Amino acid sequence: MMNHKSVSYWLLLATAVSLLGCSKREQPAPGGSTNQPGVSQSAPRTVSQSTAETAQSVTETAKKVVDQATTQAQALIDQTRGFLSEQNYAGAAEGLQKLAGLSLTPEQEVLVAELKVEAGKVGQVMETKLGELKQLVAEKKYQEASAKLTDFASVSLTPQQQELLDRLKAEIKKGLSGQTLEAGKQALGGLLPGN
């Protein structure tokens, strides 16, 4: 299977070769001269050389473009790997999304596949931790849930996960406030007027 870089390279090469075939050569008239005055016999050779130089230039440019794309893809792979090691799941997910739209070398495709597996594992861990936190909030175990929030202190989540975490934090804060108020009322017992 040819990737986009290979197709682009071969397309540019075909263009260059077709330019070589487009050079028109004058057939000498009988008697050894061309129909155009002042045109030397070396003119077709000059056009041919010029076309060959153009083809070489196009080939070199195509190679530079492919090399630059390969370098940029590798930099994005390295950046995504860094995001995963920093537990920046949101950055890793974004990097993988960008990589999906690029033409990669076979070696880079293997690296991206490994990154996807690793990101999937990190994503599952975050989903599990969020599920546990959600369960504690549902059971009104706000003290335990509050302690679990430290699991998310140095982690960058996807926007959806961050939204859920923010909502759970608000519920935990509200629940802890309610528990504190209720505990205060019980401590005062019947000392408050109206009780």
C-alpha atoms as a PDB file:
ATOM      1  CA  MET A   1       0.000   0.000   0.000  1.00  0.00           C
ATOM      2  CA  MET A   2       1.458   3.364  -0.994  1.00  0.00           C
ATOM      3  CA  ASN A   3       1.120   6.257   1.399  1.00  0.00           C
ATOM      4  CA  HIS A   4       0.554   9.881   0.465  1.00  0.00           C
ATOM      5  CA  LYS A   5       4.258  10.733   0.536  1.00  0.00           C
ATOM      6  CA  SER A   6       5.054   7.940  -1.905  1.00  0.00           C
ATOM      7  CA  VAL A   7       2.249   9.007  -4.205  1.00  0.00           C
ATOM      8  CA  SER A   8       3.384  12.647  -4.030  1.00  0.00           C
ATOM      9  CA  TYR A   9       6.978  11.662  -4.733  1.00  0.00           C
ATOM     10  CA  TRP A  10       6.064   9.533  -7.751  1.00  0.00           C
ATOM     11  CA  LEU A  11       3.671  12.188  -9.049  1.00  0.00           C
ATOM     12  CA  LEU A  12       6.418  14.818  -8.951  1.00  0.00           C
ATOM     13  CA  LEU A  13       8.838  12.396 -10.572  1.00  0.00           C
ATOM     14  CA  ALA A  14       6.342  11.636 -13.362  1.00  0.00           C
ATOM     15  CA  THR A  15       5.904  15.375 -13.926  1.00  0.00           C
ATOM     16  CA  ALA A  16       9.640  15.811 -14.219  1.00  0.00           C
ATOM     17  CA  VAL A  17       9.936  12.914 -16.684  1.00  0.00           C
ATOM     18  CA  SER A  18       7.104  14.294 -18.781  1.00  0.00           C
ATOM     19  CA  LEU A  19       8.934  17.615 -18.928  1.00  0.00           C
ATOM     20  CA  LEU A  20      11.891  15.753 -20.366  1.00  0.00           C
ATOM     21  CA  GLY A  21       9.703  14.375 -23.138  1.00  0.00           C
ATOM     22  CA  CYS A  22       8.237  17.797 -23.964  1.00  0.00           C
ATOM     23  CA  SER A  23      11.374  19.294 -25.357  1.00  0.00           C
ATOM     24  CA  LYS A  24      10.827  19.870 -29.054  1.00  0.00           C
ATOM     25  CA  ARG A  25      13.746  19.241 -31.305  1.00  0.00           C
ATOM     26  CA  GLU A  26      13.976  20.784 -34.764  1.00  0.00           C
ATOM     27  CA  GLN A  27      14.630  18.356 -37.523  1.00  0.00           C
ATOM     28  CA  PRO A  28      17.378  19.716 -39.719  1.00  0.00           C
ATOM     29  CA  ALA A  29      16.318  20.561 -43.241  1.00  0.00           C
ATOM     30  CA  PRO A  30      18.056  18.846 -46.084  1.00  0.00           C
ATOM     31  CA  GLY A  31      21.434  20.323 -46.404  1.00  0.00           C
ATOM     32  CA  GLY A  32      22.140  20.313 -42.666  1.00  0.00           C
ATOM     33  CA  SER A  33      20.574  23.593 -41.547  1.00  0.00           C
ATOM     34  CA  THR A  34      17.481  24.326 -39.449  1.00  0.00           C
ATOM     35  CA  ASN A  35      14.568  26.402 -40.694  1.00  0.00           C
ATOM     36  CA  GLN A  36      15.373  29.045 -38.113  1.00  0.00           C
ATOM     37  CA  PRO A  37      18.249  31.349 -38.828  1.00  0.00           C
ATOM     38  CA  GLY A  38      20.838  31.714 -36.125  1.00  0.00           C
ATOM     39  CA  VAL A  39      19.891  28.523 -34.218  1.00  0.00           C
ATOM     40  CA  SER A  40      22.868  26.365 -33.560  1.00  0.00           C
ATOM     41  CA  GLN A  41      22.917  22.592 -33.462  1.00  0.00           C
ATOM     42  CA  SER A  42      23.620  22.748 -29.715  1.00  0.00           C
ATOM     43  CA  ALA A  43      20.196  24.324 -28.914  1.00  0.00           C
ATOM     44  CA  PRO A  44      18.327  21.004 -28.570  1.00  0.00           C
ATOM     45  CA  ARG A  45      21.030  19.783 -26.243  1.00  0.00           C
ATOM     46  CA  THR A  46      20.691  22.923 -24.106  1.00  0.00           C
ATOM     47  CA  VAL A  47      16.911  22.457 -23.869  1.00  0.00           C
ATOM     48  CA  SER A  48      17.444  18.817 -22.994  1.00  0.00           C
ATOM     49  CA  GLN A  49      19.967  19.745 -20.312  1.00  0.00           C
ATOM     50  CA  SER A  50      17.616  22.385 -18.937  1.00  0.00           C
ATOM     51  CA  THR A  51      14.785  19.886 -18.792  1.00  0.00           C
ATOM     52  CA  ALA A  52      17.002  17.361 -17.021  1.00  0.00           C
ATOM     53  CA  GLU A  53      18.041  20.001 -14.503  1.00  0.00           C
ATOM     54  CA  THR A  54      14.383  20.893 -13.921  1.00  0.00           C
ATOM     55  CA  ALA A  55      13.531  17.226 -13.403  1.00  0.00           C
ATOM     56  CA  GLN A  56      16.390  16.877 -10.929  1.00  0.00           C
ATOM     57  CA  SER A  57      15.267  20.021  -9.115  1.00  0.00           C
ATOM     58  CA  VAL A  58      11.678  18.731  -8.890  1.00  0.00           C
ATOM     59  CA  THR A  59      12.937  15.391  -7.560  1.00  0.00           C
ATOM     60  CA  GLU A  60      15.123  17.098  -4.955  1.00  0.00           C
ATOM     61  CA  THR A  61      12.245  19.353  -3.886  1.00  0.00           C
ATOM     62  CA  ALA A  62       9.934  16.355  -3.576  1.00  0.00           C
ATOM     63  CA  LYS A  63      12.497  14.560  -1.438  1.00  0.00           C
ATOM     64  CA  LYS A  64      12.866  17.622   0.801  1.00  0.00           C
ATOM     65  CA  VAL A  65       9.084  17.837   1.232  1.00  0.00           C
ATOM     66  CA  VAL A  66       8.876  14.156   2.146  1.00  0.00           C
ATOM     67  CA  ASP A  67      11.803  14.485   4.566  1.00  0.00           C
ATOM     68  CA  GLN A  68      10.227  17.546   6.187  1.00  0.00           C
ATOM     69  CA  ALA A  69       6.882  15.772   6.587  1.00  0.00           C
ATOM     70  CA  THR A  70       8.636  12.771   8.115  1.00  0.00           C
ATOM     71  CA  THR A  71      10.518  15.020  10.552  1.00  0.00           C
ATOM     72  CA  GLN A  72       7.334  16.855  11.551  1.00  0.00           C
ATOM     73  CA  ALA A  73       5.482  13.580  12.096  1.00  0.00           C
ATOM     74  CA  GLN A  74       8.336  12.294  14.267  1.00  0.00           C
ATOM     75  CA  ALA A  75       8.277  15.485  16.349  1.00  0.00           C
ATOM     76  CA  LEU A  76       4.535  15.029  16.910  1.00  0.00           C
ATOM     77  CA  ILE A  77       5.077  11.392  17.892  1.00  0.00           C
ATOM     78  CA  ASP A  78       7.739  12.445  20.414  1.00  0.00           C
ATOM     79  CA  GLN A  79       5.483  15.198  21.779  1.00  0.00           C
ATOM     80  CA  THR A  80       2.583  12.743  22.183  1.00  0.00           C
ATOM     81  CA  ARG A  81       4.874  10.282  23.969  1.00  0.00           C
ATOM     82  CA  GLY A  82       5.885  13.122  26.311  1.00  0.00           C
ATOM     83  CA  PHE A  83       2.238  13.942  27.023  1.00  0.00           C
ATOM     84  CA  LEU A  84       1.600  10.337  28.014  1.00  0.00           C
ATOM     85  CA  SER A  85       4.600  10.243  30.333  1.00  0.00           C
ATOM     86  CA  GLU A  86       3.365  13.478  31.961  1.00  0.00           C
ATOM     87  CA  GLN A  87      -0.132  11.982  32.340  1.00  0.00           C
ATOM     88  CA  ASN A  88      -1.463  14.660  30.029  1.00  0.00           C
ATOM     89  CA  TYR A  89      -4.164  12.491  28.535  1.00  0.00           C
ATOM     90  CA  ALA A  90      -5.828  15.422  26.765  1.00  0.00           C
ATOM     91  CA  GLY A  91      -2.572  16.387  25.000  1.00  0.00           C
ATOM     92  CA  ALA A  92      -1.897  12.777  24.032  1.00  0.00           C
ATOM     93  CA  ALA A  93      -5.399  12.353  22.613  1.00  0.00           C
ATOM     94  CA  GLU A  94      -4.992  15.541  20.573  1.00  0.00           C
ATOM     95  CA  GLY A  95      -1.574  14.410  19.315  1.00  0.00           C
ATOM     96  CA  LEU A  96      -2.947  11.039  18.257  1.00  0.00           C
ATOM     97  CA  GLN A  97      -5.803  12.755  16.463  1.00  0.00           C
ATOM     98  CA  LYS A  98      -3.341  14.927  14.517  1.00  0.00           C
ATOM     99  CA  LEU A  99      -1.172  11.910  13.695  1.00  0.00           C
ATOM    100  CA  ALA A 100      -4.185  10.093  12.257  1.00  0.00           C
ATOM    101  CA  GLY A 101      -4.331  12.668   9.457  1.00  0.00           C
ATOM    102  CA  LEU A 102      -0.668  12.401   8.456  1.00  0.00           C
ATOM    103  CA  SER A 103       1.202  10.131   6.089  1.00  0.00           C
ATOM    104  CA  LEU A 104       3.656   8.149   8.163  1.00  0.00           C
ATOM    105  CA  THR A 105       6.581   5.895   7.442  1.00  0.00           C
ATOM    106  CA  PRO A 106       6.067   2.237   8.374  1.00  0.00           C
ATOM    107  CA  GLU A 107       8.288   2.740  11.431  1.00  0.00           C
ATOM    108  CA  GLN A 108       6.228   5.737  12.511  1.00  0.00           C
ATOM    109  CA  GLU A 109       3.008   3.769  12.030  1.00  0.00           C
ATOM    110  CA  VAL A 110       4.330   1.173  14.492  1.00  0.00           C
ATOM    111  CA  LEU A 111       5.204   3.902  17.014  1.00  0.00           C
ATOM    112  CA  VAL A 112       1.749   5.474  16.673  1.00  0.00           C
ATOM    113  CA  ALA A 113       0.099   2.090  17.184  1.00  0.00           C
ATOM    114  CA  GLU A 114       2.116   1.656  20.408  1.00  0.00           C
ATOM    115  CA  LEU A 115       1.115   5.154  21.545  1.00  0.00           C
ATOM    116  CA  LYS A 116      -2.552   4.354  20.895  1.00  0.00           C
ATOM    117  CA  VAL A 117      -2.312   1.259  23.087  1.00  0.00           C
ATOM    118  CA  GLU A 118      -0.602   3.217  25.855  1.00  0.00           C
ATOM    119  CA  ALA A 119      -3.120   6.073  25.590  1.00  0.00           C
ATOM    120  CA  GLY A 120      -5.941   3.553  25.722  1.00  0.00           C
ATOM    121  CA  LYS A 121      -4.551   2.139  28.960  1.00  0.00           C
ATOM    122  CA  VAL A 122      -4.208   5.618  30.479  1.00  0.00           C
ATOM    123  CA  GLY A 123      -7.729   6.465  29.342  1.00  0.00           C
ATOM    124  CA  GLN A 124      -9.117   3.308  30.946  1.00  0.00           C
ATOM    125  CA  VAL A 125      -7.343   4.075  34.218  1.00  0.00           C
ATOM    126  CA  MET A 126      -8.808   7.607  34.235  1.00  0.00           C
ATOM    127  CA  GLU A 127     -12.291   6.282  33.433  1.00  0.00           C
ATOM    128  CA  THR A 128     -11.992   3.762  36.274  1.00  0.00           C
ATOM    129  CA  LYS A 129     -10.883   6.428  38.746  1.00  0.00           C
ATOM    130  CA  LEU A 130     -13.703   8.731  37.656  1.00  0.00           C
ATOM    131  CA  GLY A 131     -16.164   5.845  38.039  1.00  0.00           C
ATOM    132  CA  GLU A 132     -14.937   5.172  41.574  1.00  0.00           C
ATOM    133  CA  LEU A 133     -15.242   8.865  42.447  1.00  0.00           C
ATOM    134  CA  LYS A 134     -18.742   9.004  40.976  1.00  0.00           C
ATOM    135  CA  GLN A 135     -19.735   5.955  43.042  1.00  0.00           C
ATOM    136  CA  LEU A 136     -18.453   7.526  46.269  1.00  0.00           C
ATOM    137  CA  VAL A 137     -20.436  10.691  45.553  1.00  0.00           C
ATOM    138  CA  ALA A 138     -23.567   8.641  44.818  1.00  0.00           C
ATOM    139  CA  GLU A 139     -23.108   6.861  48.162  1.00  0.00           C
ATOM    140  CA  LYS A 140     -22.636  10.280  49.862  1.00  0.00           C
ATOM    141  CA  LYS A 141     -19.167   9.314  51.047  1.00  0.00           C
ATOM    142  CA  TYR A 142     -17.893  12.840  50.555  1.00  0.00           C
ATOM    143  CA  GLN A 143     -14.834  12.541  52.836  1.00  0.00           C
ATOM    144  CA  GLU A 144     -13.535   9.523  50.880  1.00  0.00           C
ATOM    145  CA  ALA A 145     -14.420  11.180  47.593  1.00  0.00           C
ATOM    146  CA  SER A 146     -12.548  14.324  48.651  1.00  0.00           C
ATOM    147  CA  ALA A 147      -9.456  12.228  49.425  1.00  0.00           C
ATOM    148  CA  LYS A 148      -9.713  10.581  45.961  1.00  0.00           C
ATOM    149  CA  LEU A 149      -9.484  13.976  44.258  1.00  0.00           C
ATOM    150  CA  THR A 150      -5.712  13.842  44.751  1.00  0.00           C
ATOM    151  CA  ASP A 151      -5.652  11.139  42.033  1.00  0.00           C
ATOM    152  CA  PHE A 152      -6.502  13.875  39.548  1.00  0.00           C
ATOM    153  CA  ALA A 153      -4.153  16.594  40.813  1.00  0.00           C
ATOM    154  CA  SER A 154      -1.408  16.153  38.200  1.00  0.00           C
ATOM    155  CA  VAL A 155      -3.497  14.687  35.385  1.00  0.00           C
ATOM    156  CA  SER A 156      -4.805  16.479  32.324  1.00  0.00           C
ATOM    157  CA  LEU A 157      -8.082  14.908  31.225  1.00  0.00           C
ATOM    158  CA  THR A 158     -10.071  15.060  28.019  1.00  0.00           C
ATOM    159  CA  PRO A 159     -12.705  17.818  27.974  1.00  0.00           C
ATOM    160  CA  GLN A 160     -15.499  15.308  28.681  1.00  0.00           C
ATOM    161  CA  GLN A 161     -13.620  13.773  31.601  1.00  0.00           C
ATOM    162  CA  GLN A 162     -12.736  17.208  32.972  1.00  0.00           C
ATOM    163  CA  GLU A 163     -16.401  18.254  32.811  1.00  0.00           C
ATOM    164  CA  LEU A 164     -17.422  15.158  34.806  1.00  0.00           C
ATOM    165  CA  LEU A 165     -14.644  15.764  37.335  1.00  0.00           C
ATOM    166  CA  ASP A 166     -15.690  19.405  37.785  1.00  0.00           C
ATOM    167  CA  ARG A 167     -19.295  18.362  38.336  1.00  0.00           C
ATOM    168  CA  LEU A 168     -18.239  15.736  40.899  1.00  0.00           C
ATOM    169  CA  LYS A 169     -16.003  18.269  42.696  1.00  0.00           C
ATOM    170  CA  ALA A 170     -18.969  20.630  43.023  1.00  0.00           C
ATOM    171  CA  GLU A 171     -21.140  17.824  44.424  1.00  0.00           C
ATOM    172  CA  ILE A 172     -18.399  16.840  46.887  1.00  0.00           C
ATOM    173  CA  LYS A 173     -18.003  20.444  48.059  1.00  0.00           C
ATOM    174  CA  LYS A 174     -21.756  20.818  48.476  1.00  0.00           C
ATOM    175  CA  GLY A 175     -21.986  17.481  50.282  1.00  0.00           C
ATOM    176  CA  LEU A 176     -19.129  18.318  52.643  1.00  0.00           C
ATOM    177  CA  SER A 177     -20.738  21.699  53.417  1.00  0.00           C
ATOM    178  CA  GLY A 178     -24.033  19.981  54.174  1.00  0.00           C
ATOM    179  CA  GLN A 179     -22.346  17.428  56.417  1.00  0.00           C
ATOM    180  CA  THR A 180     -20.469  20.173  58.280  1.00  0.00           C
ATOM    181  CA  LEU A 181     -23.680  22.145  58.827  1.00  0.00           C
ATOM    182  CA  GLU A 182     -25.526  19.052  60.019  1.00  0.00           C
ATOM    183  CA  ALA A 183     -22.675  18.120  62.376  1.00  0.00           C
ATOM    184  CA  GLY A 184     -22.715  21.664  63.777  1.00  0.00           C
ATOM    185  CA  LYS A 185     -26.444  21.484  64.430  1.00  0.00           C
ATOM    186  CA  GLN A 186     -26.058  18.148  66.205  1.00  0.00           C
ATOM    187  CA  ALA A 187     -23.197  19.495  68.322  1.00  0.00           C
ATOM    188  CA  LEU A 188     -25.326  22.387  69.475  1.00  0.00           C
ATOM    189  CA  GLY A 189     -28.158  20.002  70.178  1.00  0.00           C
ATOM    190  CA  GLY A 190     -31.151  21.760  71.597  1.00  0.00           C
ATOM    191  CA  LEU A 191     -29.348  25.011  72.287  1.00  0.00           C
ATOM    192  CA  LEU A 192     -30.636  26.718  69.136  1.00  0.00           C
ATOM    193  CA  PRO A 193     -33.925  28.585  69.482  1.00  0.00           C
ATOM    194  CA  GLY A 194     -36.824  26.894  67.759  1.00  0.00           C
ATOM    195  CA  ASN A 195     -35.587  23.353  68.438  1.00  0.00           C
END
